[in-house]
Amino acid sequence: MYCVCREHVELAIDKFVDEYEDAPDLINLQTTTFSDWTAPARCDWCEGPAEVLVV
């Protein structure tokens, strides 16, 4: 699972496919809320805002 900015979506997809050998689901963190989990504010690879959850 990766929380990334728009700039790093492709990198996160590539790493996910390499690790799990399956296509990930992409979830827009701007329009989705979770009851038991709070999304991080920052991208996993930079200081940009986390906008997409790659799972």
PDB file of N, CA and C in Angstrom:
ATOM      1  N   MET A   1       0.854  -1.170   0.000  1.00  0.00           N
ATOM      2  CA  MET A   1       0.000   0.000   0.000  1.00  0.00           C
ATOM      3  C   MET A   1       0.899   1.231   0.000  1.00  0.00           C
ATOM      4  N   TYR A   2       0.579   2.160  -0.875  1.00  0.00           N
ATOM      5  CA  TYR A   2       1.337   3.410  -0.968  1.00  0.00           C
ATOM      6  C   TYR A   2       0.368   4.584  -0.996  1.00  0.00           C
ATOM      7  N   CYS A   3       0.709   5.636  -0.282  1.00  0.00           N
ATOM      8  CA  CYS A   3      -0.030   6.900  -0.335  1.00  0.00           C
ATOM      9  C   CYS A   3       0.897   7.889  -1.028  1.00  0.00           C
ATOM     10  N   VAL A   4       0.471   8.349  -2.197  1.00  0.00           N
ATOM     11  CA  VAL A   4       1.382   9.152  -3.015  1.00  0.00           C
ATOM     12  C   VAL A   4       0.702  10.384  -3.590  1.00  0.00           C
ATOM     13  N   CYS A   5       1.544  11.330  -4.014  1.00  0.00           N
ATOM     14  CA  CYS A   5       1.064  12.490  -4.745  1.00  0.00           C
ATOM     15  C   CYS A   5       0.826  12.083  -6.200  1.00  0.00           C
ATOM     16  N   ARG A   6       0.231  12.951  -6.976  1.00  0.00           N
ATOM     17  CA  ARG A   6      -0.044  12.643  -8.392  1.00  0.00           C
ATOM     18  C   ARG A   6       1.243  12.359  -9.172  1.00  0.00           C
ATOM     19  N   GLU A   7       2.307  13.035  -8.817  1.00  0.00           N
ATOM     20  CA  GLU A   7       3.578  12.863  -9.522  1.00  0.00           C
ATOM     21  C   GLU A   7       4.154  11.449  -9.363  1.00  0.00           C
ATOM     22  N   HIS A   8       3.892  10.795  -8.234  1.00  0.00           N
ATOM     23  CA  HIS A   8       4.488   9.491  -7.958  1.00  0.00           C
ATOM     24  C   HIS A   8       3.526   8.311  -8.130  1.00  0.00           C
ATOM     25  N   VAL A   9       2.379   8.523  -8.747  1.00  0.00           N
ATOM     26  CA  VAL A   9       1.416   7.435  -8.956  1.00  0.00           C
ATOM     27  C   VAL A   9       2.022   6.324  -9.820  1.00  0.00           C
ATOM     28  N   GLU A  10       2.666   6.682 -10.911  1.00  0.00           N
ATOM     29  CA  GLU A  10       3.246   5.662 -11.792  1.00  0.00           C
ATOM     30  C   GLU A  10       4.319   4.848 -11.082  1.00  0.00           C
ATOM     31  N   LEU A  11       5.162   5.494 -10.295  1.00  0.00           N
ATOM     32  CA  LEU A  11       6.185   4.791  -9.539  1.00  0.00           C
ATOM     33  C   LEU A  11       5.547   3.815  -8.551  1.00  0.00           C
ATOM     34  N   ALA A  12       4.504   4.246  -7.860  1.00  0.00           N
ATOM     35  CA  ALA A  12       3.823   3.381  -6.894  1.00  0.00           C
ATOM     36  C   ALA A  12       3.170   2.186  -7.592  1.00  0.00           C
ATOM     37  N   ILE A  13       2.574   2.418  -8.748  1.00  0.00           N
ATOM     38  CA  ILE A  13       1.964   1.313  -9.511  1.00  0.00           C
ATOM     39  C   ILE A  13       3.044   0.311  -9.913  1.00  0.00           C
ATOM     40  N   ASP A  14       4.164   0.798 -10.429  1.00  0.00           N
ATOM     41  CA  ASP A  14       5.255  -0.083 -10.842  1.00  0.00           C
ATOM     42  C   ASP A  14       5.777  -0.911  -9.670  1.00  0.00           C
ATOM     43  N   LYS A  15       5.989  -0.282  -8.529  1.00  0.00           N
ATOM     44  CA  LYS A  15       6.484  -1.005  -7.358  1.00  0.00           C
ATOM     45  C   LYS A  15       5.464  -2.023  -6.867  1.00  0.00           C
ATOM     46  N   PHE A  16       4.184  -1.667  -6.907  1.00  0.00           N
ATOM     47  CA  PHE A  16       3.127  -2.585  -6.485  1.00  0.00           C
ATOM     48  C   PHE A  16       3.096  -3.812  -7.391  1.00  0.00           C
ATOM     49  N   VAL A  17       3.141  -3.597  -8.694  1.00  0.00           N
ATOM     50  CA  VAL A  17       3.112  -4.708  -9.650  1.00  0.00           C
ATOM     51  C   VAL A  17       4.351  -5.588  -9.487  1.00  0.00           C
ATOM     52  N   ASP A  18       5.516  -4.989  -9.285  1.00  0.00           N
ATOM     53  CA  ASP A  18       6.737  -5.764  -9.067  1.00  0.00           C
ATOM     54  C   ASP A  18       6.628  -6.645  -7.825  1.00  0.00           C
ATOM     55  N   GLU A  19       6.036  -6.095  -6.776  1.00  0.00           N
ATOM     56  CA  GLU A  19       5.950  -6.818  -5.506  1.00  0.00           C
ATOM     57  C   GLU A  19       4.848  -7.875  -5.493  1.00  0.00           C
ATOM     58  N   TYR A  20       3.664  -7.538  -6.003  1.00  0.00           N
ATOM     59  CA  TYR A  20       2.503  -8.428  -5.884  1.00  0.00           C
ATOM     60  C   TYR A  20       2.109  -9.125  -7.188  1.00  0.00           C
ATOM     61  N   GLU A  21       2.733  -8.730  -8.302  1.00  0.00           N
ATOM     62  CA  GLU A  21       2.426  -9.306  -9.614  1.00  0.00           C
ATOM     63  C   GLU A  21       0.933  -9.253  -9.938  1.00  0.00           C
ATOM     64  N   ASP A  22       0.322  -8.138  -9.585  1.00  0.00           N
ATOM     65  CA  ASP A  22      -1.095  -7.906  -9.838  1.00  0.00           C
ATOM     66  C   ASP A  22      -1.313  -6.403  -9.966  1.00  0.00           C
ATOM     67  N   ALA A  23      -2.361  -6.019 -10.655  1.00  0.00           N
ATOM     68  CA  ALA A  23      -2.670  -4.594 -10.812  1.00  0.00           C
ATOM     69  C   ALA A  23      -3.300  -4.049  -9.529  1.00  0.00           C
ATOM     70  N   PRO A  24      -2.900  -2.875  -9.100  1.00  0.00           N
ATOM     71  CA  PRO A  24      -3.459  -2.298  -7.884  1.00  0.00           C
ATOM     72  C   PRO A  24      -4.772  -1.572  -8.141  1.00  0.00           C
ATOM     73  N   ASP A  25      -5.477  -1.299  -7.070  1.00  0.00           N
ATOM     74  CA  ASP A  25      -6.618  -0.394  -7.107  1.00  0.00           C
ATOM     75  C   ASP A  25      -6.103   0.990  -6.735  1.00  0.00           C
ATOM     76  N   LEU A  26      -6.652   2.015  -7.370  1.00  0.00           N
ATOM     77  CA  LEU A  26      -6.284   3.399  -7.072  1.00  0.00           C
ATOM     78  C   LEU A  26      -7.470   4.086  -6.430  1.00  0.00           C
ATOM     79  N   ILE A  27      -7.258   4.673  -5.270  1.00  0.00           N
ATOM     80  CA  ILE A  27      -8.329   5.333  -4.532  1.00  0.00           C
ATOM     81  C   ILE A  27      -7.966   6.797  -4.348  1.00  0.00           C
ATOM     82  N   ASN A  28      -8.868   7.676  -4.746  1.00  0.00           N
ATOM     83  CA  ASN A  28      -8.663   9.114  -4.597  1.00  0.00           C
ATOM     84  C   ASN A  28      -8.874   9.481  -3.131  1.00  0.00           C
ATOM     85  N   LEU A  29      -7.827   9.935  -2.472  1.00  0.00           N
ATOM     86  CA  LEU A  29      -7.913  10.281  -1.052  1.00  0.00           C
ATOM     87  C   LEU A  29      -8.642  11.596  -0.802  1.00  0.00           C
ATOM     88  N   GLN A  30      -8.863  12.377  -1.864  1.00  0.00           N
ATOM     89  CA  GLN A  30      -9.570  13.641  -1.713  1.00  0.00           C
ATOM     90  C   GLN A  30     -11.079  13.433  -1.586  1.00  0.00           C
ATOM     91  N   THR A  31     -11.571  12.315  -2.103  1.00  0.00           N
ATOM     92  CA  THR A  31     -13.021  12.087  -2.114  1.00  0.00           C
ATOM     93  C   THR A  31     -13.451  10.879  -1.294  1.00  0.00           C
ATOM     94  N   THR A  32     -12.503  10.180  -0.669  1.00  0.00           N
ATOM     95  CA  THR A  32     -12.809   8.970   0.083  1.00  0.00           C
ATOM     96  C   THR A  32     -12.423   9.150   1.541  1.00  0.00           C
ATOM     97  N   THR A  33     -13.275   8.670   2.436  1.00  0.00           N
ATOM     98  CA  THR A  33     -12.953   8.683   3.860  1.00  0.00           C
ATOM     99  C   THR A  33     -13.010   7.253   4.385  1.00  0.00           C
ATOM    100  N   PHE A  34     -12.246   7.000   5.420  1.00  0.00           N
ATOM    101  CA  PHE A  34     -12.185   5.684   6.036  1.00  0.00           C
ATOM    102  C   PHE A  34     -12.555   5.809   7.507  1.00  0.00           C
ATOM    103  N   SER A  35     -13.289   4.851   8.019  1.00  0.00           N
ATOM    104  CA  SER A  35     -13.732   4.931   9.415  1.00  0.00           C
ATOM    105  C   SER A  35     -12.636   4.525  10.398  1.00  0.00           C
ATOM    106  N   ASP A  36     -11.748   3.599  10.014  1.00  0.00           N
ATOM    107  CA  ASP A  36     -10.753   3.088  10.951  1.00  0.00           C
ATOM    108  C   ASP A  36      -9.318   3.437  10.589  1.00  0.00           C
ATOM    109  N   TRP A  37      -9.120   4.321   9.607  1.00  0.00           N
ATOM    110  CA  TRP A  37      -7.771   4.640   9.163  1.00  0.00           C
ATOM    111  C   TRP A  37      -7.723   6.086   8.710  1.00  0.00           C
ATOM    112  N   THR A  38      -6.684   6.772   9.086  1.00  0.00           N
ATOM    113  CA  THR A  38      -6.471   8.144   8.648  1.00  0.00           C
ATOM    114  C   THR A  38      -5.314   8.163   7.660  1.00  0.00           C
ATOM    115  N   ALA A  39      -5.567   8.669   6.491  1.00  0.00           N
ATOM    116  CA  ALA A  39      -4.532   8.736   5.458  1.00  0.00           C
ATOM    117  C   ALA A  39      -3.448   9.724   5.870  1.00  0.00           C
ATOM    118  N   PRO A  40      -2.200   9.428   5.540  1.00  0.00           N
ATOM    119  CA  PRO A  40      -1.132  10.376   5.839  1.00  0.00           C
ATOM    120  C   PRO A  40      -1.282  11.653   5.016  1.00  0.00           C
ATOM    121  N   ALA A  41      -0.753  12.725   5.530  1.00  0.00           N
ATOM    122  CA  ALA A  41      -0.864  14.010   4.840  1.00  0.00           C
ATOM    123  C   ALA A  41       0.138  14.131   3.699  1.00  0.00           C
ATOM    124  N   ARG A  42       1.255  13.412   3.769  1.00  0.00           N
ATOM    125  CA  ARG A  42       2.338  13.557   2.796  1.00  0.00           C
ATOM    126  C   ARG A  42       2.564  12.282   1.987  1.00  0.00           C
ATOM    127  N   CYS A  43       3.067  12.469   0.797  1.00  0.00           N
ATOM    128  CA  CYS A  43       3.435  11.393  -0.118  1.00  0.00           C
ATOM    129  C   CYS A  43       4.517  10.518   0.525  1.00  0.00           C
ATOM    130  N   ASP A  44       4.495   9.229   0.211  1.00  0.00           N
ATOM    131  CA  ASP A  44       5.513   8.317   0.726  1.00  0.00           C
ATOM    132  C   ASP A  44       6.903   8.616   0.184  1.00  0.00           C
ATOM    133  N   TRP A  45       7.017   9.315  -0.961  1.00  0.00           N
ATOM    134  CA  TRP A  45       8.309   9.545  -1.589  1.00  0.00           C
ATOM    135  C   TRP A  45       8.736  11.006  -1.651  1.00  0.00           C
ATOM    136  N   CYS A  46       7.871  11.935  -1.286  1.00  0.00           N
ATOM    137  CA  CYS A  46       8.266  13.345  -1.290  1.00  0.00           C
ATOM    138  C   CYS A  46       7.423  14.092  -0.255  1.00  0.00           C
ATOM    139  N   GLU A  47       7.563  15.366  -0.212  1.00  0.00           N
ATOM    140  CA  GLU A  47       6.825  16.191   0.747  1.00  0.00           C
ATOM    141  C   GLU A  47       5.496  16.691   0.199  1.00  0.00           C
ATOM    142  N   GLY A  48       5.126  16.245  -1.002  1.00  0.00           N
ATOM    143  CA  GLY A  48       3.855  16.652  -1.611  1.00  0.00           C
ATOM    144  C   GLY A  48       2.677  16.026  -0.880  1.00  0.00           C
ATOM    145  N   PRO A  49       1.488  16.554  -1.078  1.00  0.00           N
ATOM    146  CA  PRO A  49       0.313  16.005  -0.415  1.00  0.00           C
ATOM    147  C   PRO A  49      -0.060  14.633  -0.978  1.00  0.00           C
ATOM    148  N   ALA A  50      -0.413  13.715  -0.094  1.00  0.00           N
ATOM    149  CA  ALA A  50      -0.862  12.378  -0.514  1.00  0.00           C
ATOM    150  C   ALA A  50      -2.257  12.516  -1.106  1.00  0.00           C
ATOM    151  N   GLU A  51      -2.408  12.146  -2.368  1.00  0.00           N
ATOM    152  CA  GLU A  51      -3.685  12.293  -3.058  1.00  0.00           C
ATOM    153  C   GLU A  51      -4.257  10.970  -3.523  1.00  0.00           C
ATOM    154  N   VAL A  52      -3.411   9.936  -3.673  1.00  0.00           N
ATOM    155  CA  VAL A  52      -3.871   8.652  -4.214  1.00  0.00           C
ATOM    156  C   VAL A  52      -3.356   7.530  -3.319  1.00  0.00           C
ATOM    157  N   LEU A  53      -4.261   6.602  -3.014  1.00  0.00           N
ATOM    158  CA  LEU A  53      -3.921   5.391  -2.288  1.00  0.00           C
ATOM    159  C   LEU A  53      -3.808   4.263  -3.305  1.00  0.00           C
ATOM    160  N   VAL A  54      -2.655   3.616  -3.338  1.00  0.00           N
ATOM    161  CA  VAL A  54      -2.408   2.514  -4.270  1.00  0.00           C
ATOM    162  C   VAL A  54      -2.429   1.230  -3.449  1.00  0.00           C
ATOM    163  N   VAL A  55      -3.459   0.394  -3.666  1.00  0.00           N
ATOM    164  CA  VAL A  55      -3.612  -0.860  -2.903  1.00  0.00           C
ATOM    165  C   VAL A  55      -3.940  -2.011  -3.817  1.00  0.00           C
TER     166      VAL A  55
END
